[in-house]
Amino acid sequence: MSKRKTEAQMEREAAKRAKPAEPLTLDELLKPANAYERLVAEHVRGRHDANLEAAIVAGQRSVRGCLEYVAGVARKKACGSGCVVMADGEVFGLAVHWFLDGATPA
């Protein structure tokens, strides 16, 4: 008795045989989707730091993930009030920490 494969099973098998996805480039990882992401991407690019750029590509860390990390840190600082004020230097420092040191999401 022959058992027919479902379309979903065939897709899963094809995905297993497929080549792994190519890693994203620095430009793709730092491509901003909004003004906040653009500011962080410009700051990171403005540092002209080869180690930072290599860490971004090696870790496949995106500017969107960076802002999610910074927002998580800010939420923790808010301590229930829902409000927090952070200096630009602190935000950009967290951004560099996210990319360079492999910080984990807050």
PDB file of N, CA and C in Angstrom:
ATOM      1  N   MET A   1       0.850  -1.179   0.000  1.00  0.00           N
ATOM      2  CA  MET A   1       0.000   0.000   0.000  1.00  0.00           C
ATOM      3  C   MET A   1       0.895   1.241   0.000  1.00  0.00           C
ATOM      4  N   SER A   2       0.687   2.098  -0.945  1.00  0.00           N
ATOM      5  CA  SER A   2       1.504   3.295  -1.117  1.00  0.00           C
ATOM      6  C   SER A   2       0.904   4.452  -0.330  1.00  0.00           C
ATOM      7  N   LYS A   3       1.779   5.129   0.348  1.00  0.00           N
ATOM      8  CA  LYS A   3       1.329   6.269   1.154  1.00  0.00           C
ATOM      9  C   LYS A   3       1.699   7.549   0.414  1.00  0.00           C
ATOM     10  N   ARG A   4       0.755   8.402   0.149  1.00  0.00           N
ATOM     11  CA  ARG A   4       1.024   9.657  -0.570  1.00  0.00           C
ATOM     12  C   ARG A   4       1.513  10.714   0.412  1.00  0.00           C
ATOM     13  N   LYS A   5       2.511  11.452  -0.043  1.00  0.00           N
ATOM     14  CA  LYS A   5       3.046  12.536   0.783  1.00  0.00           C
ATOM     15  C   LYS A   5       2.192  13.776   0.599  1.00  0.00           C
ATOM     16  N   THR A   6       2.033  14.481   1.699  1.00  0.00           N
ATOM     17  CA  THR A   6       1.302  15.738   1.616  1.00  0.00           C
ATOM     18  C   THR A   6       2.223  16.806   1.035  1.00  0.00           C
ATOM     19  N   GLU A   7       1.639  17.860   0.587  1.00  0.00           N
ATOM     20  CA  GLU A   7       2.427  18.967   0.027  1.00  0.00           C
ATOM     21  C   GLU A   7       3.376  19.534   1.078  1.00  0.00           C
ATOM     22  N   ALA A   8       2.910  19.643   2.317  1.00  0.00           N
ATOM     23  CA  ALA A   8       3.747  20.175   3.390  1.00  0.00           C
ATOM     24  C   ALA A   8       4.954  19.272   3.635  1.00  0.00           C
ATOM     25  N   GLN A   9       4.749  17.944   3.590  1.00  0.00           N
ATOM     26  CA  GLN A   9       5.859  17.018   3.773  1.00  0.00           C
ATOM     27  C   GLN A   9       6.877  17.164   2.649  1.00  0.00           C
ATOM     28  N   MET A  10       6.399  17.307   1.433  1.00  0.00           N
ATOM     29  CA  MET A  10       7.302  17.469   0.296  1.00  0.00           C
ATOM     30  C   MET A  10       8.095  18.769   0.409  1.00  0.00           C
ATOM     31  N   GLU A  11       7.444  19.846   0.885  1.00  0.00           N
ATOM     32  CA  GLU A  11       8.140  21.125   1.057  1.00  0.00           C
ATOM     33  C   GLU A  11       9.212  21.018   2.126  1.00  0.00           C
ATOM     34  N   ARG A  12       8.908  20.315   3.232  1.00  0.00           N
ATOM     35  CA  ARG A  12       9.898  20.141   4.296  1.00  0.00           C
ATOM     36  C   ARG A  12      11.111  19.351   3.790  1.00  0.00           C
ATOM     37  N   GLU A  13      10.861  18.312   3.040  1.00  0.00           N
ATOM     38  CA  GLU A  13      11.958  17.521   2.491  1.00  0.00           C
ATOM     39  C   GLU A  13      12.801  18.336   1.511  1.00  0.00           C
ATOM     40  N   ALA A  14      12.148  19.151   0.692  1.00  0.00           N
ATOM     41  CA  ALA A  14      12.872  20.003  -0.256  1.00  0.00           C
ATOM     42  C   ALA A  14      13.713  21.027   0.494  1.00  0.00           C
ATOM     43  N   ALA A  15      13.178  21.564   1.583  1.00  0.00           N
ATOM     44  CA  ALA A  15      13.918  22.550   2.370  1.00  0.00           C
ATOM     45  C   ALA A  15      15.158  21.927   3.002  1.00  0.00           C
ATOM     46  N   LYS A  16      15.058  20.669   3.419  1.00  0.00           N
ATOM     47  CA  LYS A  16      16.216  19.977   3.996  1.00  0.00           C
ATOM     48  C   LYS A  16      17.316  19.788   2.966  1.00  0.00           C
ATOM     49  N   ARG A  17      16.924  19.535   1.718  1.00  0.00           N
ATOM     50  CA  ARG A  17      17.900  19.318   0.654  1.00  0.00           C
ATOM     51  C   ARG A  17      18.479  20.625   0.123  1.00  0.00           C
ATOM     52  N   ALA A  18      17.778  21.717   0.348  1.00  0.00           N
ATOM     53  CA  ALA A  18      18.208  23.018  -0.196  1.00  0.00           C
ATOM     54  C   ALA A  18      19.495  23.475   0.475  1.00  0.00           C
ATOM     55  N   LYS A  19      20.224  24.304  -0.239  1.00  0.00           N
ATOM     56  CA  LYS A  19      21.450  24.874   0.299  1.00  0.00           C
ATOM     57  C   LYS A  19      21.095  25.830   1.434  1.00  0.00           C
ATOM     58  N   PRO A  20      21.982  25.950   2.418  1.00  0.00           N
ATOM     59  CA  PRO A  20      21.719  26.920   3.483  1.00  0.00           C
ATOM     60  C   PRO A  20      21.720  28.336   2.906  1.00  0.00           C
ATOM     61  N   ALA A  21      20.950  29.195   3.522  1.00  0.00           N
ATOM     62  CA  ALA A  21      20.844  30.578   3.053  1.00  0.00           C
ATOM     63  C   ALA A  21      22.196  31.281   3.184  1.00  0.00           C
ATOM     64  N   GLU A  22      22.476  32.123   2.219  1.00  0.00           N
ATOM     65  CA  GLU A  22      23.702  32.919   2.258  1.00  0.00           C
ATOM     66  C   GLU A  22      23.597  33.920   3.403  1.00  0.00           C
ATOM     67  N   PRO A  23      24.704  34.154   4.113  1.00  0.00           N
ATOM     68  CA  PRO A  23      24.654  35.169   5.170  1.00  0.00           C
ATOM     69  C   PRO A  23      24.395  36.552   4.569  1.00  0.00           C
ATOM     70  N   LEU A  24      23.749  37.381   5.330  1.00  0.00           N
ATOM     71  CA  LEU A  24      23.461  38.736   4.871  1.00  0.00           C
ATOM     72  C   LEU A  24      24.734  39.575   4.875  1.00  0.00           C
ATOM     73  N   THR A  25      24.777  40.550   3.992  1.00  0.00           N
ATOM     74  CA  THR A  25      25.929  41.452   3.914  1.00  0.00           C
ATOM     75  C   THR A  25      25.765  42.572   4.934  1.00  0.00           C
ATOM     76  N   LEU A  26      26.830  43.327   5.119  1.00  0.00           N
ATOM     77  CA  LEU A  26      26.788  44.467   6.046  1.00  0.00           C
ATOM     78  C   LEU A  26      25.703  45.446   5.614  1.00  0.00           C
ATOM     79  N   ASP A  27      25.615  45.727   4.322  1.00  0.00           N
ATOM     80  CA  ASP A  27      24.597  46.661   3.833  1.00  0.00           C
ATOM     81  C   ASP A  27      23.186  46.163   4.135  1.00  0.00           C
ATOM     82  N   GLU A  28      22.967  44.866   3.973  1.00  0.00           N
ATOM     83  CA  GLU A  28      21.635  44.302   4.241  1.00  0.00           C
ATOM     84  C   GLU A  28      21.310  44.340   5.729  1.00  0.00           C
ATOM     85  N   LEU A  29      22.309  44.071   6.575  1.00  0.00           N
ATOM     86  CA  LEU A  29      22.087  44.067   8.016  1.00  0.00           C
ATOM     87  C   LEU A  29      21.847  45.471   8.563  1.00  0.00           C
ATOM     88  N   LEU A  30      22.460  46.461   7.942  1.00  0.00           N
ATOM     89  CA  LEU A  30      22.307  47.837   8.421  1.00  0.00           C
ATOM     90  C   LEU A  30      21.295  48.635   7.603  1.00  0.00           C
ATOM     91  N   LYS A  31      20.501  47.969   6.784  1.00  0.00           N
ATOM     92  CA  LYS A  31      19.502  48.669   5.974  1.00  0.00           C
ATOM     93  C   LYS A  31      18.376  49.159   6.884  1.00  0.00           C
ATOM     94  N   PRO A  32      18.214  50.471   6.985  1.00  0.00           N
ATOM     95  CA  PRO A  32      17.192  51.006   7.897  1.00  0.00           C
ATOM     96  C   PRO A  32      15.790  50.953   7.305  1.00  0.00           C
ATOM     97  N   ALA A  33      14.830  50.682   8.187  1.00  0.00           N
ATOM     98  CA  ALA A  33      13.428  50.667   7.771  1.00  0.00           C
ATOM     99  C   ALA A  33      12.713  51.937   8.226  1.00  0.00           C
ATOM    100  N   ASN A  34      13.335  52.702   9.133  1.00  0.00           N
ATOM    101  CA  ASN A  34      12.703  53.937   9.610  1.00  0.00           C
ATOM    102  C   ASN A  34      13.795  54.899  10.087  1.00  0.00           C
ATOM    103  N   ALA A  35      13.383  56.039  10.562  1.00  0.00           N
ATOM    104  CA  ALA A  35      14.337  57.090  10.956  1.00  0.00           C
ATOM    105  C   ALA A  35      15.218  56.658  12.124  1.00  0.00           C
ATOM    106  N   TYR A  36      14.671  55.914  13.074  1.00  0.00           N
ATOM    107  CA  TYR A  36      15.457  55.472  14.226  1.00  0.00           C
ATOM    108  C   TYR A  36      16.557  54.507  13.785  1.00  0.00           C
ATOM    109  N   GLU A  37      16.179  53.564  12.939  1.00  0.00           N
ATOM    110  CA  GLU A  37      17.165  52.619  12.426  1.00  0.00           C
ATOM    111  C   GLU A  37      18.221  53.329  11.588  1.00  0.00           C
ATOM    112  N   ARG A  38      17.814  54.352  10.853  1.00  0.00           N
ATOM    113  CA  ARG A  38      18.764  55.116  10.038  1.00  0.00           C
ATOM    114  C   ARG A  38      19.803  55.791  10.919  1.00  0.00           C
ATOM    115  N   LEU A  39      19.366  56.382  12.042  1.00  0.00           N
ATOM    116  CA  LEU A  39      20.299  57.051  12.951  1.00  0.00           C
ATOM    117  C   LEU A  39      21.331  56.078  13.512  1.00  0.00           C
ATOM    118  N   VAL A  40      20.877  54.914  13.936  1.00  0.00           N
ATOM    119  CA  VAL A  40      21.796  53.923  14.493  1.00  0.00           C
ATOM    120  C   VAL A  40      22.747  53.418  13.407  1.00  0.00           C
ATOM    121  N   ALA A  41      22.214  53.125  12.221  1.00  0.00           N
ATOM    122  CA  ALA A  41      23.056  52.643  11.123  1.00  0.00           C
ATOM    123  C   ALA A  41      24.113  53.682  10.753  1.00  0.00           C
ATOM    124  N   GLU A  42      23.734  54.963  10.710  1.00  0.00           N
ATOM    125  CA  GLU A  42      24.690  56.020  10.389  1.00  0.00           C
ATOM    126  C   GLU A  42      25.771  56.122  11.464  1.00  0.00           C
ATOM    127  N   HIS A  43      25.379  55.972  12.725  1.00  0.00           N
ATOM    128  CA  HIS A  43      26.355  56.027  13.814  1.00  0.00           C
ATOM    129  C   HIS A  43      27.361  54.885  13.690  1.00  0.00           C
ATOM    130  N   VAL A  44      26.849  53.693  13.452  1.00  0.00           N
ATOM    131  CA  VAL A  44      27.724  52.520  13.340  1.00  0.00           C
ATOM    132  C   VAL A  44      28.663  52.670  12.149  1.00  0.00           C
ATOM    133  N   ARG A  45      28.126  53.089  11.016  1.00  0.00           N
ATOM    134  CA  ARG A  45      28.964  53.263   9.826  1.00  0.00           C
ATOM    135  C   ARG A  45      29.972  54.401  10.023  1.00  0.00           C
ATOM    136  N   GLY A  46      29.578  55.422  10.761  1.00  0.00           N
ATOM    137  CA  GLY A  46      30.447  56.578  10.998  1.00  0.00           C
ATOM    138  C   GLY A  46      31.654  56.259  11.863  1.00  0.00           C
ATOM    139  N   ARG A  47      31.609  55.155  12.565  1.00  0.00           N
ATOM    140  CA  ARG A  47      32.740  54.772  13.415  1.00  0.00           C
ATOM    141  C   ARG A  47      33.922  54.265  12.588  1.00  0.00           C
ATOM    142  N   HIS A  48      33.677  53.819  11.366  1.00  0.00           N
ATOM    143  CA  HIS A  48      34.734  53.299  10.487  1.00  0.00           C
ATOM    144  C   HIS A  48      35.607  52.286  11.230  1.00  0.00           C
ATOM    145  N   ASP A  49      34.948  51.364  11.896  1.00  0.00           N
ATOM    146  CA  ASP A  49      35.619  50.370  12.725  1.00  0.00           C
ATOM    147  C   ASP A  49      35.502  49.004  12.049  1.00  0.00           C
ATOM    148  N   ALA A  50      36.612  48.508  11.530  1.00  0.00           N
ATOM    149  CA  ALA A  50      36.600  47.225  10.812  1.00  0.00           C
ATOM    150  C   ALA A  50      36.180  46.080  11.737  1.00  0.00           C
ATOM    151  N   ASN A  51      36.599  46.149  13.010  1.00  0.00           N
ATOM    152  CA  ASN A  51      36.207  45.101  13.965  1.00  0.00           C
ATOM    153  C   ASN A  51      34.697  45.097  14.181  1.00  0.00           C
ATOM    154  N   LEU A  52      34.114  46.272  14.257  1.00  0.00           N
ATOM    155  CA  LEU A  52      32.671  46.381  14.450  1.00  0.00           C
ATOM    156  C   LEU A  52      31.935  45.830  13.235  1.00  0.00           C
ATOM    157  N   GLU A  53      32.381  46.208  12.052  1.00  0.00           N
ATOM    158  CA  GLU A  53      31.729  45.725  10.832  1.00  0.00           C
ATOM    159  C   GLU A  53      31.854  44.209  10.703  1.00  0.00           C
ATOM    160  N   ALA A  54      33.018  43.672  11.034  1.00  0.00           N
ATOM    161  CA  ALA A  54      33.216  42.220  10.980  1.00  0.00           C
ATOM    162  C   ALA A  54      32.313  41.515  11.994  1.00  0.00           C
ATOM    163  N   ALA A  55      32.163  42.095  13.179  1.00  0.00           N
ATOM    164  CA  ALA A  55      31.311  41.500  14.212  1.00  0.00           C
ATOM    165  C   ALA A  55      29.847  41.504  13.786  1.00  0.00           C
ATOM    166  N   ILE A  56      29.424  42.558  13.106  1.00  0.00           N
ATOM    167  CA  ILE A  56      28.037  42.637  12.635  1.00  0.00           C
ATOM    168  C   ILE A  56      27.764  41.514  11.646  1.00  0.00           C
ATOM    169  N   VAL A  57      28.650  41.344  10.681  1.00  0.00           N
ATOM    170  CA  VAL A  57      28.453  40.321   9.653  1.00  0.00           C
ATOM    171  C   VAL A  57      28.582  38.925  10.258  1.00  0.00           C
ATOM    172  N   ALA A  58      29.587  38.707  11.094  1.00  0.00           N
ATOM    173  CA  ALA A  58      29.805  37.386  11.690  1.00  0.00           C
ATOM    174  C   ALA A  58      28.622  36.976  12.568  1.00  0.00           C
ATOM    175  N   GLY A  59      28.095  37.924  13.320  1.00  0.00           N
ATOM    176  CA  GLY A  59      26.972  37.626  14.214  1.00  0.00           C
ATOM    177  C   GLY A  59      25.619  37.727  13.553  1.00  0.00           C
ATOM    178  N   GLN A  60      25.599  38.205  12.292  1.00  0.00           N
ATOM    179  CA  GLN A  60      24.348  38.397  11.552  1.00  0.00           C
ATOM    180  C   GLN A  60      23.343  39.194  12.388  1.00  0.00           C
ATOM    181  N   ARG A  61      23.822  40.301  12.936  1.00  0.00           N
ATOM    182  CA  ARG A  61      22.983  41.158  13.783  1.00  0.00           C
ATOM    183  C   ARG A  61      22.491  42.346  12.973  1.00  0.00           C
ATOM    184  N   SER A  62      21.198  42.587  13.042  1.00  0.00           N
ATOM    185  CA  SER A  62      20.586  43.653  12.258  1.00  0.00           C
ATOM    186  C   SER A  62      20.358  44.896  13.100  1.00  0.00           C
ATOM    187  N   VAL A  63      20.148  45.994  12.412  1.00  0.00           N
ATOM    188  CA  VAL A  63      19.860  47.251  13.099  1.00  0.00           C
ATOM    189  C   VAL A  63      18.495  47.161  13.790  1.00  0.00           C
ATOM    190  N   ARG A  64      17.570  46.409  13.229  1.00  0.00           N
ATOM    191  CA  ARG A  64      16.263  46.216  13.878  1.00  0.00           C
ATOM    192  C   ARG A  64      16.437  45.483  15.204  1.00  0.00           C
ATOM    193  N   GLY A  65      17.254  44.426  15.210  1.00  0.00           N
ATOM    194  CA  GLY A  65      17.524  43.696  16.446  1.00  0.00           C
ATOM    195  C   GLY A  65      18.196  44.582  17.474  1.00  0.00           C
ATOM    196  N   CYS A  66      19.062  45.467  17.002  1.00  0.00           N
ATOM    197  CA  CYS A  66      19.740  46.411  17.884  1.00  0.00           C
ATOM    198  C   CYS A  66      18.737  47.300  18.602  1.00  0.00           C
ATOM    199  N   LEU A  67      17.797  47.850  17.851  1.00  0.00           N
ATOM    200  CA  LEU A  67      16.812  48.735  18.472  1.00  0.00           C
ATOM    201  C   LEU A  67      15.889  47.978  19.425  1.00  0.00           C
ATOM    202  N   GLU A  68      15.604  46.725  19.128  1.00  0.00           N
ATOM    203  CA  GLU A  68      14.813  45.909  20.051  1.00  0.00           C
ATOM    204  C   GLU A  68      15.578  45.709  21.361  1.00  0.00           C
ATOM    205  N   TYR A  69      16.883  45.487  21.254  1.00  0.00           N
ATOM    206  CA  TYR A  69      17.734  45.348  22.440  1.00  0.00           C
ATOM    207  C   TYR A  69      17.725  46.645  23.261  1.00  0.00           C
ATOM    208  N   VAL A  70      17.933  47.782  22.598  1.00  0.00           N
ATOM    209  CA  VAL A  70      17.962  49.071  23.298  1.00  0.00           C
ATOM    210  C   VAL A  70      16.606  49.342  23.960  1.00  0.00           C
ATOM    211  N   ALA A  71      15.516  49.036  23.269  1.00  0.00           N
ATOM    212  CA  ALA A  71      14.180  49.242  23.845  1.00  0.00           C
ATOM    213  C   ALA A  71      13.977  48.359  25.069  1.00  0.00           C
ATOM    214  N   GLY A  72      14.496  47.140  25.030  1.00  0.00           N
ATOM    215  CA  GLY A  72      14.385  46.249  26.189  1.00  0.00           C
ATOM    216  C   GLY A  72      15.135  46.791  27.390  1.00  0.00           C
ATOM    217  N   VAL A  73      16.330  47.323  27.161  1.00  0.00           N
ATOM    218  CA  VAL A  73      17.106  47.934  28.246  1.00  0.00           C
ATOM    219  C   VAL A  73      16.344  49.135  28.806  1.00  0.00           C
ATOM    220  N   ALA A  74      15.765  49.941  27.922  1.00  0.00           N
ATOM    221  CA  ALA A  74      15.012  51.120  28.364  1.00  0.00           C
ATOM    222  C   ALA A  74      13.793  50.706  29.195  1.00  0.00           C
ATOM    223  N   ARG A  75      13.099  49.644  28.762  1.00  0.00           N
ATOM    224  CA  ARG A  75      11.938  49.160  29.533  1.00  0.00           C
ATOM    225  C   ARG A  75      12.348  48.752  30.940  1.00  0.00           C
ATOM    226  N   LYS A  76      13.499  48.103  31.075  1.00  0.00           N
ATOM    227  CA  LYS A  76      13.973  47.701  32.397  1.00  0.00           C
ATOM    228  C   LYS A  76      14.289  48.915  33.269  1.00  0.00           C
ATOM    229  N   LYS A  77      14.803  49.981  32.635  1.00  0.00           N
ATOM    230  CA  LYS A  77      15.137  51.191  33.381  1.00  0.00           C
ATOM    231  C   LYS A  77      13.892  51.949  33.828  1.00  0.00           C
ATOM    232  N   ALA A  78      12.791  51.759  33.108  1.00  0.00           N
ATOM    233  CA  ALA A  78      11.569  52.504  33.410  1.00  0.00           C
ATOM    234  C   ALA A  78      10.986  52.116  34.766  1.00  0.00           C
ATOM    235  N   CYS A  79      11.272  50.934  35.242  1.00  0.00           N
ATOM    236  CA  CYS A  79      10.842  50.475  36.575  1.00  0.00           C
ATOM    237  C   CYS A  79       9.370  50.722  36.849  1.00  0.00           C
ATOM    238  N   GLY A  80       8.513  50.371  35.942  1.00  0.00           N
ATOM    239  CA  GLY A  80       7.082  50.473  36.186  1.00  0.00           C
ATOM    240  C   GLY A  80       6.475  51.818  35.864  1.00  0.00           C
ATOM    241  N   SER A  81       7.281  52.854  35.740  1.00  0.00           N
ATOM    242  CA  SER A  81       6.729  54.177  35.464  1.00  0.00           C
ATOM    243  C   SER A  81       6.334  54.320  34.002  1.00  0.00           C
ATOM    244  N   GLY A  82       6.915  53.498  33.138  1.00  0.00           N
ATOM    245  CA  GLY A  82       6.625  53.588  31.710  1.00  0.00           C
ATOM    246  C   GLY A  82       7.406  54.691  31.018  1.00  0.00           C
ATOM    247  N   CYS A  83       8.203  55.440  31.782  1.00  0.00           N
ATOM    248  CA  CYS A  83       8.987  56.539  31.217  1.00  0.00           C
ATOM    249  C   CYS A  83      10.458  56.341  31.533  1.00  0.00           C
ATOM    250  N   VAL A  84      11.283  56.676  30.571  1.00  0.00           N
ATOM    251  CA  VAL A  84      12.721  56.639  30.796  1.00  0.00           C
ATOM    252  C   VAL A  84      13.366  57.670  29.879  1.00  0.00           C
ATOM    253  N   VAL A  85      14.426  58.279  30.361  1.00  0.00           N
ATOM    254  CA  VAL A  85      15.200  59.219  29.550  1.00  0.00           C
ATOM    255  C   VAL A  85      16.613  58.667  29.456  1.00  0.00           C
ATOM    256  N   MET A  86      17.098  58.570  28.228  1.00  0.00           N
ATOM    257  CA  MET A  86      18.461  58.075  28.008  1.00  0.00           C
ATOM    258  C   MET A  86      19.188  59.059  27.109  1.00  0.00           C
ATOM    259  N   ALA A  87      20.434  59.343  27.443  1.00  0.00           N
ATOM    260  CA  ALA A  87      21.251  60.238  26.620  1.00  0.00           C
ATOM    261  C   ALA A  87      21.616  59.538  25.316  1.00  0.00           C
ATOM    262  N   ASP A  88      21.858  60.334  24.278  1.00  0.00           N
ATOM    263  CA  ASP A  88      22.249  59.780  22.983  1.00  0.00           C
ATOM    264  C   ASP A  88      23.453  58.854  23.118  1.00  0.00           C
ATOM    265  N   GLY A  89      24.437  59.288  23.899  1.00  0.00           N
ATOM    266  CA  GLY A  89      25.645  58.492  24.075  1.00  0.00           C
ATOM    267  C   GLY A  89      25.364  57.124  24.661  1.00  0.00           C
ATOM    268  N   GLU A  90      24.402  57.060  25.571  1.00  0.00           N
ATOM    269  CA  GLU A  90      24.038  55.774  26.168  1.00  0.00           C
ATOM    270  C   GLU A  90      23.372  54.869  25.141  1.00  0.00           C
ATOM    271  N   VAL A  91      22.478  55.429  24.345  1.00  0.00           N
ATOM    272  CA  VAL A  91      21.789  54.645  23.307  1.00  0.00           C
ATOM    273  C   VAL A  91      22.793  54.140  22.279  1.00  0.00           C
ATOM    274  N   PHE A  92      23.674  55.026  21.805  1.00  0.00           N
ATOM    275  CA  PHE A  92      24.658  54.604  20.809  1.00  0.00           C
ATOM    276  C   PHE A  92      25.675  53.634  21.412  1.00  0.00           C
ATOM    277  N   GLY A  93      25.981  53.808  22.696  1.00  0.00           N
ATOM    278  CA  GLY A  93      26.871  52.860  23.373  1.00  0.00           C
ATOM    279  C   GLY A  93      26.244  51.477  23.458  1.00  0.00           C
ATOM    280  N   LEU A  94      24.941  51.420  23.745  1.00  0.00           N
ATOM    281  CA  LEU A  94      24.231  50.140  23.758  1.00  0.00           C
ATOM    282  C   LEU A  94      24.210  49.513  22.368  1.00  0.00           C
ATOM    283  N   ALA A  95      24.083  50.366  21.355  1.00  0.00           N
ATOM    284  CA  ALA A  95      24.076  49.867  19.976  1.00  0.00           C
ATOM    285  C   ALA A  95      25.413  49.197  19.649  1.00  0.00           C
ATOM    286  N   VAL A  96      26.494  49.855  19.989  1.00  0.00           N
ATOM    287  CA  VAL A  96      27.812  49.278  19.724  1.00  0.00           C
ATOM    288  C   VAL A  96      27.980  47.994  20.535  1.00  0.00           C
ATOM    289  N   HIS A  97      27.525  48.002  21.781  1.00  0.00           N
ATOM    290  CA  HIS A  97      27.592  46.805  22.629  1.00  0.00           C
ATOM    291  C   HIS A  97      26.819  45.652  21.986  1.00  0.00           C
ATOM    292  N   TRP A  98      25.655  45.953  21.427  1.00  0.00           N
ATOM    293  CA  TRP A  98      24.829  44.929  20.760  1.00  0.00           C
ATOM    294  C   TRP A  98      25.592  44.292  19.599  1.00  0.00           C
ATOM    295  N   PHE A  99      26.165  45.129  18.775  1.00  0.00           N
ATOM    296  CA  PHE A  99      26.856  44.623  17.596  1.00  0.00           C
ATOM    297  C   PHE A  99      28.212  43.998  17.916  1.00  0.00           C
ATOM    298  N   LEU A 100      29.010  44.667  18.716  1.00  0.00           N
ATOM    299  CA  LEU A 100      30.405  44.268  18.919  1.00  0.00           C
ATOM    300  C   LEU A 100      30.572  43.178  19.973  1.00  0.00           C
ATOM    301  N   ASP A 101      29.860  43.316  21.072  1.00  0.00           N
ATOM    302  CA  ASP A 101      30.063  42.395  22.187  1.00  0.00           C
ATOM    303  C   ASP A 101      29.064  41.247  22.206  1.00  0.00           C
ATOM    304  N   GLY A 102      28.148  41.233  21.250  1.00  0.00           N
ATOM    305  CA  GLY A 102      27.181  40.133  21.190  1.00  0.00           C
ATOM    306  C   GLY A 102      26.209  40.140  22.349  1.00  0.00           C
ATOM    307  N   ALA A 103      25.775  41.321  22.760  1.00  0.00           N
ATOM    308  CA  ALA A 103      24.810  41.421  23.868  1.00  0.00           C
ATOM    309  C   ALA A 103      23.560  40.616  23.523  1.00  0.00           C
ATOM    310  N   THR A 104      22.953  40.071  24.557  1.00  0.00           N
ATOM    311  CA  THR A 104      21.731  39.290  24.352  1.00  0.00           C
ATOM    312  C   THR A 104      20.523  40.200  24.538  1.00  0.00           C
ATOM    313  N   PRO A 105      19.421  39.886  23.860  1.00  0.00           N
ATOM    314  CA  PRO A 105      18.226  40.721  23.973  1.00  0.00           C
ATOM    315  C   PRO A 105      17.799  40.871  25.421  1.00  0.00           C
ATOM    316  N   ALA A 106      17.378  42.084  25.756  1.00  0.00           N
ATOM    317  CA  ALA A 106      16.954  42.375  27.134  1.00  0.00           C
ATOM    318  C   ALA A 106      15.558  41.855  27.376  1.00  0.00           C
TER     319      ALA A 106
END
